[in-house]
N, C-alpha and C. Protein backbone atom coordinates (compact mmCIF):
# COMPACT_ATOMS: atom_id res chain seq x y z
N MET A 1 5.19 -44.52 79.33
CA MET A 1 4.98 -43.09 79.19
C MET A 1 5.57 -42.40 80.41
N LYS A 2 6.38 -41.38 80.19
CA LYS A 2 7.00 -40.63 81.28
C LYS A 2 5.97 -39.70 81.93
N ASN A 3 6.28 -39.27 83.15
CA ASN A 3 5.36 -38.41 83.91
C ASN A 3 4.96 -37.16 83.14
N ASP A 4 5.94 -36.45 82.58
CA ASP A 4 5.64 -35.22 81.84
C ASP A 4 4.78 -35.49 80.62
N GLU A 5 5.05 -36.59 79.93
CA GLU A 5 4.25 -36.96 78.75
C GLU A 5 2.81 -37.26 79.17
N ARG A 6 2.65 -37.96 80.29
CA ARG A 6 1.31 -38.30 80.77
C ARG A 6 0.54 -37.03 81.13
N ARG A 7 1.21 -36.10 81.78
CA ARG A 7 0.53 -34.85 82.16
C ARG A 7 0.12 -34.04 80.93
N LEU A 8 0.97 -34.03 79.91
CA LEU A 8 0.61 -33.35 78.66
C LEU A 8 -0.60 -34.04 78.01
N LYS A 9 -0.63 -35.35 78.08
CA LYS A 9 -1.76 -36.11 77.53
C LYS A 9 -3.05 -35.79 78.29
N ILE A 10 -2.95 -35.65 79.61
CA ILE A 10 -4.13 -35.28 80.42
C ILE A 10 -4.65 -33.93 79.96
N ILE A 11 -3.76 -32.96 79.79
CA ILE A 11 -4.18 -31.64 79.33
C ILE A 11 -4.83 -31.73 77.96
N GLU A 12 -4.24 -32.51 77.08
CA GLU A 12 -4.80 -32.69 75.73
C GLU A 12 -6.20 -33.30 75.80
N LEU A 13 -6.36 -34.36 76.60
CA LEU A 13 -7.67 -35.01 76.73
C LEU A 13 -8.72 -34.04 77.28
N LEU A 14 -8.34 -33.29 78.30
CA LEU A 14 -9.29 -32.34 78.89
C LEU A 14 -9.60 -31.19 77.94
N SER A 15 -8.62 -30.76 77.19
CA SER A 15 -8.83 -29.66 76.24
C SER A 15 -9.80 -30.04 75.14
N ASN A 16 -9.80 -31.30 74.75
CA ASN A 16 -10.66 -31.76 73.66
C ASN A 16 -12.00 -32.30 74.14
N ALA A 17 -12.19 -32.38 75.45
CA ALA A 17 -13.42 -32.98 75.99
C ALA A 17 -14.59 -32.01 75.90
N THR A 18 -15.77 -32.57 75.69
CA THR A 18 -17.00 -31.77 75.68
C THR A 18 -17.77 -31.93 76.98
N GLU A 19 -17.25 -32.77 77.86
CA GLU A 19 -17.87 -32.98 79.18
C GLU A 19 -16.76 -33.36 80.16
N PRO A 20 -17.03 -33.28 81.48
CA PRO A 20 -16.01 -33.64 82.46
C PRO A 20 -15.53 -35.09 82.26
N ILE A 21 -14.24 -35.32 82.56
CA ILE A 21 -13.66 -36.65 82.47
C ILE A 21 -13.27 -37.09 83.89
N SER A 22 -13.76 -38.22 84.30
CA SER A 22 -13.48 -38.70 85.66
C SER A 22 -12.02 -39.13 85.79
N GLY A 23 -11.53 -39.10 87.02
CA GLY A 23 -10.18 -39.57 87.30
C GLY A 23 -10.02 -41.03 86.95
N GLY A 24 -11.05 -41.83 87.19
CA GLY A 24 -11.01 -43.24 86.85
C GLY A 24 -10.86 -43.48 85.36
N ARG A 25 -11.59 -42.68 84.58
CA ARG A 25 -11.51 -42.81 83.13
C ARG A 25 -10.12 -42.41 82.61
N LEU A 26 -9.58 -41.31 83.17
CA LEU A 26 -8.23 -40.89 82.78
C LEU A 26 -7.22 -41.97 83.15
N ALA A 27 -7.37 -42.54 84.34
CA ALA A 27 -6.44 -43.59 84.80
C ALA A 27 -6.47 -44.79 83.86
N LYS A 28 -7.67 -45.21 83.50
CA LYS A 28 -7.81 -46.37 82.62
C LYS A 28 -7.18 -46.08 81.25
N GLU A 29 -7.48 -44.90 80.72
CA GLU A 29 -6.97 -44.55 79.39
C GLU A 29 -5.44 -44.43 79.37
N LEU A 30 -4.85 -43.99 80.50
CA LEU A 30 -3.41 -43.78 80.54
C LEU A 30 -2.65 -44.93 81.22
N GLY A 31 -3.38 -45.94 81.68
CA GLY A 31 -2.74 -47.11 82.25
C GLY A 31 -2.05 -46.89 83.58
N VAL A 32 -2.64 -46.02 84.40
CA VAL A 32 -2.09 -45.76 85.73
C VAL A 32 -3.22 -45.82 86.75
N SER A 33 -2.89 -45.69 88.03
CA SER A 33 -3.92 -45.69 89.07
C SER A 33 -4.63 -44.33 89.13
N ARG A 34 -5.80 -44.32 89.73
CA ARG A 34 -6.54 -43.08 89.91
C ARG A 34 -5.74 -42.11 90.78
N GLN A 35 -5.02 -42.63 91.78
CA GLN A 35 -4.22 -41.78 92.65
C GLN A 35 -3.12 -41.06 91.87
N VAL A 36 -2.54 -41.72 90.89
CA VAL A 36 -1.53 -41.07 90.05
C VAL A 36 -2.18 -39.90 89.31
N ILE A 37 -3.38 -40.10 88.82
CA ILE A 37 -4.10 -39.02 88.12
C ILE A 37 -4.37 -37.86 89.07
N VAL A 38 -4.82 -38.16 90.30
CA VAL A 38 -5.08 -37.10 91.28
C VAL A 38 -3.80 -36.29 91.52
N ASN A 39 -2.68 -36.98 91.69
CA ASN A 39 -1.41 -36.28 91.89
C ASN A 39 -1.01 -35.47 90.66
N ASP A 40 -1.21 -36.05 89.47
CA ASP A 40 -0.89 -35.33 88.24
C ASP A 40 -1.73 -34.05 88.12
N ILE A 41 -3.02 -34.17 88.39
CA ILE A 41 -3.90 -33.01 88.30
C ILE A 41 -3.44 -31.92 89.26
N ALA A 42 -3.06 -32.29 90.48
CA ALA A 42 -2.57 -31.31 91.45
C ALA A 42 -1.34 -30.59 90.92
N LEU A 43 -0.43 -31.33 90.32
CA LEU A 43 0.77 -30.71 89.76
C LEU A 43 0.44 -29.83 88.56
N ILE A 44 -0.46 -30.30 87.71
CA ILE A 44 -0.86 -29.52 86.53
C ILE A 44 -1.52 -28.21 86.96
N ARG A 45 -2.37 -28.28 87.99
CA ARG A 45 -3.11 -27.08 88.42
C ARG A 45 -2.20 -26.00 88.98
N ALA A 46 -0.97 -26.35 89.35
CA ALA A 46 -0.04 -25.33 89.82
C ALA A 46 0.26 -24.32 88.71
N THR A 47 0.20 -24.76 87.47
CA THR A 47 0.45 -23.86 86.34
C THR A 47 -0.78 -23.66 85.46
N ARG A 48 -1.79 -24.48 85.64
CA ARG A 48 -3.01 -24.41 84.83
C ARG A 48 -4.22 -24.37 85.76
N PRO A 49 -4.43 -23.26 86.49
CA PRO A 49 -5.52 -23.22 87.46
C PRO A 49 -6.91 -23.28 86.85
N GLU A 50 -7.01 -23.18 85.51
CA GLU A 50 -8.33 -23.28 84.88
C GLU A 50 -8.84 -24.72 84.85
N ILE A 51 -8.02 -25.68 85.26
CA ILE A 51 -8.48 -27.06 85.39
C ILE A 51 -9.12 -27.20 86.76
N ILE A 52 -10.38 -27.57 86.76
CA ILE A 52 -11.09 -27.71 88.04
C ILE A 52 -11.69 -29.11 88.13
N SER A 53 -12.01 -29.50 89.35
CA SER A 53 -12.68 -30.78 89.56
C SER A 53 -14.13 -30.51 89.90
N THR A 54 -15.00 -31.30 89.32
CA THR A 54 -16.43 -31.24 89.63
C THR A 54 -16.85 -32.62 90.11
N ASN A 55 -18.09 -32.77 90.51
CA ASN A 55 -18.55 -34.09 90.96
C ASN A 55 -18.63 -35.08 89.80
N SER A 56 -18.52 -34.59 88.55
CA SER A 56 -18.56 -35.46 87.38
C SER A 56 -17.18 -35.75 86.81
N GLY A 57 -16.17 -35.03 87.27
CA GLY A 57 -14.82 -35.23 86.75
C GLY A 57 -14.09 -33.92 86.57
N TYR A 58 -13.01 -33.95 85.83
CA TYR A 58 -12.17 -32.78 85.61
C TYR A 58 -12.57 -32.07 84.32
N VAL A 59 -12.48 -30.72 84.36
CA VAL A 59 -12.77 -29.91 83.18
C VAL A 59 -11.76 -28.77 83.10
N ILE A 60 -11.58 -28.27 81.90
CA ILE A 60 -10.81 -27.04 81.70
C ILE A 60 -11.80 -25.94 81.38
N LEU A 61 -11.76 -24.90 82.18
CA LEU A 61 -12.62 -23.76 81.92
C LEU A 61 -12.00 -22.93 80.81
N HIS A 62 -12.81 -22.50 79.91
CA HIS A 62 -12.33 -21.73 78.78
C HIS A 62 -12.29 -20.26 79.14
N SER A 63 -11.69 -19.45 78.28
CA SER A 63 -11.47 -18.05 78.62
C SER A 63 -12.75 -17.26 78.78
N GLU A 64 -13.84 -17.76 78.25
CA GLU A 64 -15.11 -17.08 78.48
C GLU A 64 -15.77 -17.78 79.65
N SER A 65 -16.03 -17.04 80.70
CA SER A 65 -16.74 -17.60 81.83
C SER A 65 -17.75 -16.58 82.30
N CYS A 66 -18.60 -17.00 83.19
CA CYS A 66 -19.68 -16.14 83.65
C CYS A 66 -19.64 -16.04 85.17
N ARG A 67 -20.17 -14.95 85.65
CA ARG A 67 -20.27 -14.74 87.08
C ARG A 67 -21.70 -14.40 87.46
N ARG A 68 -22.05 -14.78 88.67
CA ARG A 68 -23.34 -14.40 89.23
C ARG A 68 -23.13 -14.16 90.71
N ILE A 69 -23.81 -13.20 91.24
CA ILE A 69 -23.76 -12.92 92.67
C ILE A 69 -25.00 -13.52 93.31
N PHE A 70 -24.75 -14.32 94.34
CA PHE A 70 -25.85 -14.95 95.08
C PHE A 70 -25.91 -14.37 96.48
N LYS A 71 -27.08 -13.88 96.84
CA LYS A 71 -27.31 -13.46 98.22
C LYS A 71 -27.91 -14.65 98.94
N THR A 72 -27.26 -15.05 100.03
CA THR A 72 -27.69 -16.25 100.74
C THR A 72 -27.76 -15.99 102.24
N ARG A 73 -28.38 -16.94 102.91
CA ARG A 73 -28.44 -16.91 104.38
C ARG A 73 -28.56 -18.34 104.86
N HIS A 74 -27.76 -18.68 105.86
CA HIS A 74 -27.77 -20.01 106.45
C HIS A 74 -27.03 -19.98 107.78
N THR A 75 -27.04 -21.08 108.48
CA THR A 75 -26.32 -21.18 109.75
C THR A 75 -24.85 -21.47 109.49
N ASP A 76 -24.03 -21.34 110.54
CA ASP A 76 -22.61 -21.69 110.43
C ASP A 76 -22.46 -23.16 110.03
N GLU A 77 -23.30 -24.01 110.59
CA GLU A 77 -23.21 -25.44 110.31
C GLU A 77 -23.54 -25.78 108.85
N GLU A 78 -24.25 -24.92 108.17
CA GLU A 78 -24.63 -25.15 106.77
C GLU A 78 -23.63 -24.57 105.77
N THR A 79 -22.61 -23.88 106.26
CA THR A 79 -21.63 -23.25 105.37
C THR A 79 -20.97 -24.27 104.46
N GLU A 80 -20.55 -25.40 105.02
CA GLU A 80 -19.88 -26.42 104.21
C GLU A 80 -20.80 -26.94 103.11
N ASP A 81 -22.07 -27.15 103.44
CA ASP A 81 -23.03 -27.64 102.44
C ASP A 81 -23.22 -26.61 101.32
N GLU A 82 -23.31 -25.34 101.68
CA GLU A 82 -23.48 -24.28 100.69
C GLU A 82 -22.30 -24.25 99.72
N LEU A 83 -21.08 -24.21 100.26
CA LEU A 83 -19.89 -24.13 99.41
C LEU A 83 -19.70 -25.39 98.57
N THR A 84 -19.95 -26.55 99.17
CA THR A 84 -19.82 -27.81 98.45
C THR A 84 -20.83 -27.89 97.30
N ALA A 85 -22.04 -27.43 97.53
CA ALA A 85 -23.06 -27.43 96.47
C ALA A 85 -22.57 -26.63 95.26
N ILE A 86 -21.89 -25.54 95.51
CA ILE A 86 -21.40 -24.69 94.43
C ILE A 86 -20.27 -25.36 93.67
N VAL A 87 -19.24 -25.84 94.39
CA VAL A 87 -18.08 -26.42 93.69
C VAL A 87 -18.41 -27.76 93.06
N ASP A 88 -19.33 -28.53 93.64
CA ASP A 88 -19.71 -29.82 93.04
C ASP A 88 -20.35 -29.64 91.67
N LEU A 89 -20.98 -28.51 91.45
CA LEU A 89 -21.63 -28.27 90.17
C LEU A 89 -20.70 -27.55 89.18
N GLY A 90 -19.46 -27.30 89.59
CA GLY A 90 -18.50 -26.70 88.67
C GLY A 90 -18.30 -25.21 88.85
N GLY A 91 -18.78 -24.65 89.94
CA GLY A 91 -18.58 -23.24 90.20
C GLY A 91 -17.38 -23.00 91.08
N ALA A 92 -16.92 -21.76 91.10
CA ALA A 92 -15.87 -21.33 91.99
C ALA A 92 -16.40 -20.16 92.81
N VAL A 93 -16.21 -20.24 94.12
CA VAL A 93 -16.66 -19.17 95.01
C VAL A 93 -15.50 -18.18 95.12
N LEU A 94 -15.63 -17.05 94.43
CA LEU A 94 -14.53 -16.10 94.37
C LEU A 94 -14.38 -15.27 95.63
N ASP A 95 -15.52 -14.93 96.26
CA ASP A 95 -15.44 -14.08 97.45
C ASP A 95 -16.67 -14.24 98.32
N VAL A 96 -16.65 -13.55 99.43
CA VAL A 96 -17.81 -13.39 100.28
C VAL A 96 -17.85 -11.90 100.63
N PHE A 97 -19.04 -11.32 100.63
CA PHE A 97 -19.13 -9.94 101.08
C PHE A 97 -20.47 -9.70 101.76
N VAL A 98 -20.46 -8.70 102.63
CA VAL A 98 -21.66 -8.32 103.36
C VAL A 98 -21.86 -6.82 103.17
N GLU A 99 -23.10 -6.40 103.32
CA GLU A 99 -23.44 -4.98 103.29
C GLU A 99 -23.77 -4.57 104.72
N HIS A 100 -22.82 -3.90 105.36
CA HIS A 100 -22.97 -3.48 106.75
C HIS A 100 -23.55 -2.07 106.77
N LYS A 101 -24.49 -1.82 107.66
CA LYS A 101 -25.17 -0.52 107.68
C LYS A 101 -24.25 0.63 108.08
N VAL A 102 -23.20 0.36 108.81
CA VAL A 102 -22.25 1.40 109.22
C VAL A 102 -20.99 1.39 108.36
N TYR A 103 -20.39 0.22 108.17
CA TYR A 103 -19.10 0.12 107.47
C TYR A 103 -19.23 0.01 105.96
N GLY A 104 -20.43 -0.22 105.44
CA GLY A 104 -20.60 -0.39 104.00
C GLY A 104 -20.28 -1.82 103.58
N THR A 105 -19.75 -1.98 102.38
CA THR A 105 -19.43 -3.30 101.84
C THR A 105 -18.11 -3.79 102.41
N ILE A 106 -18.15 -4.97 103.01
CA ILE A 106 -16.93 -5.62 103.52
C ILE A 106 -16.77 -6.90 102.72
N THR A 107 -15.62 -7.03 102.04
CA THR A 107 -15.37 -8.15 101.14
C THR A 107 -14.13 -8.91 101.55
N ALA A 108 -14.19 -10.23 101.39
CA ALA A 108 -13.02 -11.08 101.62
C ALA A 108 -12.91 -12.06 100.46
N PRO A 109 -11.72 -12.21 99.87
CA PRO A 109 -11.53 -13.19 98.79
C PRO A 109 -11.58 -14.60 99.37
N LEU A 110 -12.18 -15.54 98.63
CA LEU A 110 -12.21 -16.94 99.04
C LEU A 110 -11.48 -17.82 98.03
N ASN A 111 -11.79 -17.65 96.76
CA ASN A 111 -11.18 -18.46 95.69
C ASN A 111 -11.25 -19.95 95.99
N ILE A 112 -12.46 -20.42 96.27
CA ILE A 112 -12.70 -21.83 96.56
C ILE A 112 -13.20 -22.50 95.29
N HIS A 113 -12.42 -23.50 94.82
CA HIS A 113 -12.72 -24.17 93.55
C HIS A 113 -13.01 -25.66 93.71
N SER A 114 -12.72 -26.23 94.87
CA SER A 114 -12.81 -27.68 95.03
C SER A 114 -13.27 -28.05 96.43
N LYS A 115 -13.65 -29.32 96.57
CA LYS A 115 -14.04 -29.82 97.90
C LYS A 115 -12.89 -29.71 98.88
N ARG A 116 -11.67 -29.94 98.41
CA ARG A 116 -10.51 -29.84 99.29
C ARG A 116 -10.38 -28.42 99.84
N GLU A 117 -10.61 -27.43 98.99
CA GLU A 117 -10.54 -26.04 99.44
C GLU A 117 -11.71 -25.70 100.37
N VAL A 118 -12.88 -26.30 100.15
CA VAL A 118 -14.00 -26.14 101.08
C VAL A 118 -13.59 -26.67 102.45
N GLN A 119 -13.02 -27.89 102.47
CA GLN A 119 -12.61 -28.51 103.73
C GLN A 119 -11.60 -27.64 104.47
N LYS A 120 -10.63 -27.09 103.75
CA LYS A 120 -9.62 -26.23 104.36
C LYS A 120 -10.27 -24.99 104.96
N PHE A 121 -11.19 -24.39 104.24
CA PHE A 121 -11.89 -23.21 104.74
C PHE A 121 -12.67 -23.55 106.01
N ILE A 122 -13.38 -24.66 106.01
CA ILE A 122 -14.16 -25.08 107.18
C ILE A 122 -13.23 -25.35 108.36
N GLU A 123 -12.11 -26.02 108.11
CA GLU A 123 -11.13 -26.26 109.18
C GLU A 123 -10.64 -24.94 109.78
N ASP A 124 -10.35 -23.99 108.91
CA ASP A 124 -9.90 -22.68 109.40
C ASP A 124 -10.97 -22.00 110.24
N MET A 125 -12.22 -22.06 109.78
CA MET A 125 -13.31 -21.45 110.54
C MET A 125 -13.53 -22.17 111.87
N ASN A 126 -13.40 -23.49 111.87
CA ASN A 126 -13.61 -24.27 113.10
C ASN A 126 -12.45 -24.17 114.07
N SER A 127 -11.33 -23.60 113.64
CA SER A 127 -10.17 -23.48 114.53
C SER A 127 -10.41 -22.50 115.67
N GLY A 128 -11.43 -21.67 115.52
CA GLY A 128 -11.78 -20.74 116.59
C GLY A 128 -11.09 -19.39 116.52
N VAL A 129 -10.22 -19.18 115.54
CA VAL A 129 -9.53 -17.90 115.46
C VAL A 129 -10.40 -16.80 114.85
N SER A 130 -11.47 -17.20 114.18
CA SER A 130 -12.35 -16.22 113.56
C SER A 130 -13.73 -16.83 113.35
N THR A 131 -14.67 -16.00 112.98
CA THR A 131 -16.02 -16.47 112.66
C THR A 131 -16.37 -15.99 111.25
N PRO A 132 -17.33 -16.63 110.62
CA PRO A 132 -17.71 -16.22 109.27
C PRO A 132 -18.16 -14.76 109.20
N LEU A 133 -17.83 -14.11 108.11
CA LEU A 133 -18.18 -12.71 107.90
C LEU A 133 -19.69 -12.50 107.97
N LYS A 134 -20.46 -13.48 107.54
CA LYS A 134 -21.92 -13.38 107.53
C LYS A 134 -22.51 -13.13 108.92
N ASN A 135 -21.76 -13.47 109.95
CA ASN A 135 -22.30 -13.36 111.30
C ASN A 135 -22.48 -11.92 111.76
N ILE A 136 -21.87 -10.95 111.06
CA ILE A 136 -22.07 -9.56 111.46
C ILE A 136 -23.33 -8.96 110.83
N THR A 137 -23.99 -9.73 109.94
CA THR A 137 -25.22 -9.25 109.29
C THR A 137 -26.34 -10.28 109.42
N GLN A 138 -26.46 -10.88 110.60
CA GLN A 138 -27.50 -11.87 110.88
C GLN A 138 -27.56 -13.01 109.86
N GLY A 139 -26.42 -13.36 109.32
CA GLY A 139 -26.34 -14.49 108.40
C GLY A 139 -26.46 -14.13 106.93
N TYR A 140 -26.90 -12.93 106.62
CA TYR A 140 -27.03 -12.51 105.22
C TYR A 140 -25.65 -12.20 104.64
N HIS A 141 -25.38 -12.74 103.46
CA HIS A 141 -24.10 -12.49 102.81
C HIS A 141 -24.22 -12.78 101.32
N TYR A 142 -23.21 -12.37 100.58
CA TYR A 142 -23.18 -12.54 99.13
C TYR A 142 -21.93 -13.32 98.75
N HIS A 143 -22.05 -14.09 97.67
CA HIS A 143 -20.90 -14.75 97.07
C HIS A 143 -20.88 -14.42 95.58
N THR A 144 -19.72 -14.06 95.07
CA THR A 144 -19.53 -13.98 93.63
C THR A 144 -19.08 -15.36 93.20
N VAL A 145 -19.85 -15.97 92.30
CA VAL A 145 -19.57 -17.32 91.83
C VAL A 145 -19.28 -17.26 90.35
N GLU A 146 -18.25 -17.98 89.95
CA GLU A 146 -17.86 -18.02 88.54
C GLU A 146 -17.98 -19.44 88.03
N ALA A 147 -18.42 -19.58 86.78
CA ALA A 147 -18.54 -20.89 86.13
C ALA A 147 -18.29 -20.70 84.65
N HIS A 148 -18.18 -21.82 83.94
CA HIS A 148 -17.86 -21.73 82.51
C HIS A 148 -19.04 -21.36 81.64
N ASN A 149 -20.28 -21.42 82.17
CA ASN A 149 -21.43 -20.99 81.38
C ASN A 149 -22.61 -20.67 82.29
N THR A 150 -23.61 -20.02 81.72
CA THR A 150 -24.77 -19.62 82.52
C THR A 150 -25.62 -20.82 82.95
N GLU A 151 -25.57 -21.91 82.18
CA GLU A 151 -26.32 -23.10 82.56
C GLU A 151 -25.82 -23.65 83.90
N THR A 152 -24.50 -23.63 84.08
CA THR A 152 -23.94 -24.09 85.35
C THR A 152 -24.38 -23.16 86.47
N LEU A 153 -24.36 -21.86 86.22
CA LEU A 153 -24.82 -20.91 87.24
C LEU A 153 -26.29 -21.13 87.56
N ASP A 154 -27.09 -21.47 86.55
CA ASP A 154 -28.51 -21.78 86.79
C ASP A 154 -28.66 -23.00 87.68
N GLU A 155 -27.83 -24.03 87.45
CA GLU A 155 -27.87 -25.23 88.29
C GLU A 155 -27.47 -24.91 89.73
N ILE A 156 -26.46 -24.07 89.89
CA ILE A 156 -26.03 -23.66 91.23
C ILE A 156 -27.13 -22.88 91.91
N GLU A 157 -27.75 -21.98 91.18
CA GLU A 157 -28.86 -21.19 91.73
C GLU A 157 -29.98 -22.11 92.22
N LYS A 158 -30.33 -23.09 91.41
CA LYS A 158 -31.39 -24.04 91.79
C LYS A 158 -30.99 -24.84 93.04
N ALA A 159 -29.74 -25.28 93.10
CA ALA A 159 -29.27 -26.06 94.26
C ALA A 159 -29.34 -25.22 95.53
N LEU A 160 -28.94 -23.96 95.45
CA LEU A 160 -29.00 -23.08 96.62
C LEU A 160 -30.44 -22.80 97.02
N LYS A 161 -31.30 -22.64 96.02
CA LYS A 161 -32.72 -22.40 96.30
C LYS A 161 -33.35 -23.64 96.93
N ASP A 162 -33.07 -24.82 96.36
CA ASP A 162 -33.63 -26.07 96.90
C ASP A 162 -33.21 -26.30 98.34
N ARG A 163 -32.00 -25.86 98.72
CA ARG A 163 -31.51 -26.04 100.09
C ARG A 163 -32.05 -24.97 101.03
N GLY A 164 -32.72 -23.96 100.49
CA GLY A 164 -33.28 -22.90 101.31
C GLY A 164 -32.29 -21.80 101.67
N TYR A 165 -31.13 -21.75 100.99
CA TYR A 165 -30.11 -20.75 101.30
C TYR A 165 -30.27 -19.48 100.47
N LEU A 166 -30.82 -19.59 99.28
CA LEU A 166 -30.84 -18.47 98.33
C LEU A 166 -31.88 -17.43 98.73
N ILE A 167 -31.43 -16.19 98.79
CA ILE A 167 -32.32 -15.05 99.00
C ILE A 167 -32.58 -14.36 97.66
N GLU A 168 -31.49 -14.19 96.88
CA GLU A 168 -31.59 -13.49 95.60
C GLU A 168 -30.38 -13.84 94.74
N ALA A 169 -30.58 -13.85 93.43
CA ALA A 169 -29.48 -14.04 92.48
C ALA A 169 -29.47 -12.86 91.54
N LEU A 170 -28.28 -12.32 91.30
CA LEU A 170 -28.13 -11.19 90.40
C LEU A 170 -27.62 -11.65 89.06
N LYS A 171 -27.85 -10.87 88.04
CA LYS A 171 -27.55 -11.23 86.65
C LYS A 171 -26.14 -11.76 86.43
N ALA A 172 -26.04 -12.77 85.57
CA ALA A 172 -24.74 -13.32 85.17
C ALA A 172 -24.08 -12.39 84.18
N THR A 173 -22.76 -12.33 84.23
CA THR A 173 -21.99 -11.47 83.34
C THR A 173 -20.91 -12.29 82.66
N PRO A 174 -20.84 -12.27 81.31
CA PRO A 174 -19.73 -12.98 80.66
C PRO A 174 -18.40 -12.28 80.96
N ILE A 175 -17.38 -13.07 81.14
CA ILE A 175 -16.03 -12.54 81.38
C ILE A 175 -15.18 -12.97 80.20
N TYR A 176 -14.55 -12.02 79.54
CA TYR A 176 -13.70 -12.34 78.40
C TYR A 176 -12.25 -12.01 78.77
N GLY A 177 -11.33 -12.71 78.17
CA GLY A 177 -9.93 -12.41 78.41
C GLY A 177 -9.28 -13.49 79.24
N PRO A 178 -8.40 -13.08 80.19
CA PRO A 178 -7.65 -14.09 80.94
C PRO A 178 -8.56 -14.97 81.77
N LYS A 179 -8.12 -16.16 82.02
CA LYS A 179 -8.87 -17.10 82.86
C LYS A 179 -9.03 -16.50 84.24
N MET A 180 -10.20 -16.68 84.83
CA MET A 180 -10.47 -16.08 86.12
C MET A 180 -10.21 -17.05 87.27
N TYR A 181 -9.95 -18.32 87.00
CA TYR A 181 -9.71 -19.29 88.06
C TYR A 181 -8.26 -19.24 88.48
N ARG A 182 -7.96 -18.49 89.48
CA ARG A 182 -6.58 -18.34 89.97
C ARG A 182 -6.57 -18.50 91.46
């Protein structure tokens, strides 16, 4: 099977799946190594950003997705755990924003969909060129999180609450139309 054929088969398998498919399972089914699958997924995601990785495997998010805003508070050292908890359950952290008493709402896009993107964000924060936006509001901040259904958002909410980060969660909203994972 040629590389392009294999990548089309991966998309087909993910499109027809009712649950995440692990890289190992894809590798076995297609007769290649797991690393080949990881590389294929990276190449596919360049044109199909709705394919995301979760702790259970790869999924394609459908055109209907949901968003929820989470108000959280934690230390700088807990930032990685907060973001990883969200992406491991299949969510994407679209932004971070704070409500400043003088400047109003200050928002920054994040678009974090995977552990790799969490690691890159943490590396950038640890480089010393900047500090997290939450630090101007005593750690209080908001994230808009997107997932393929409200059940996933409920799981994320529970994970944030169990870790002691969640202050408040605002209503989920269905999103129709173009895929929001970009």
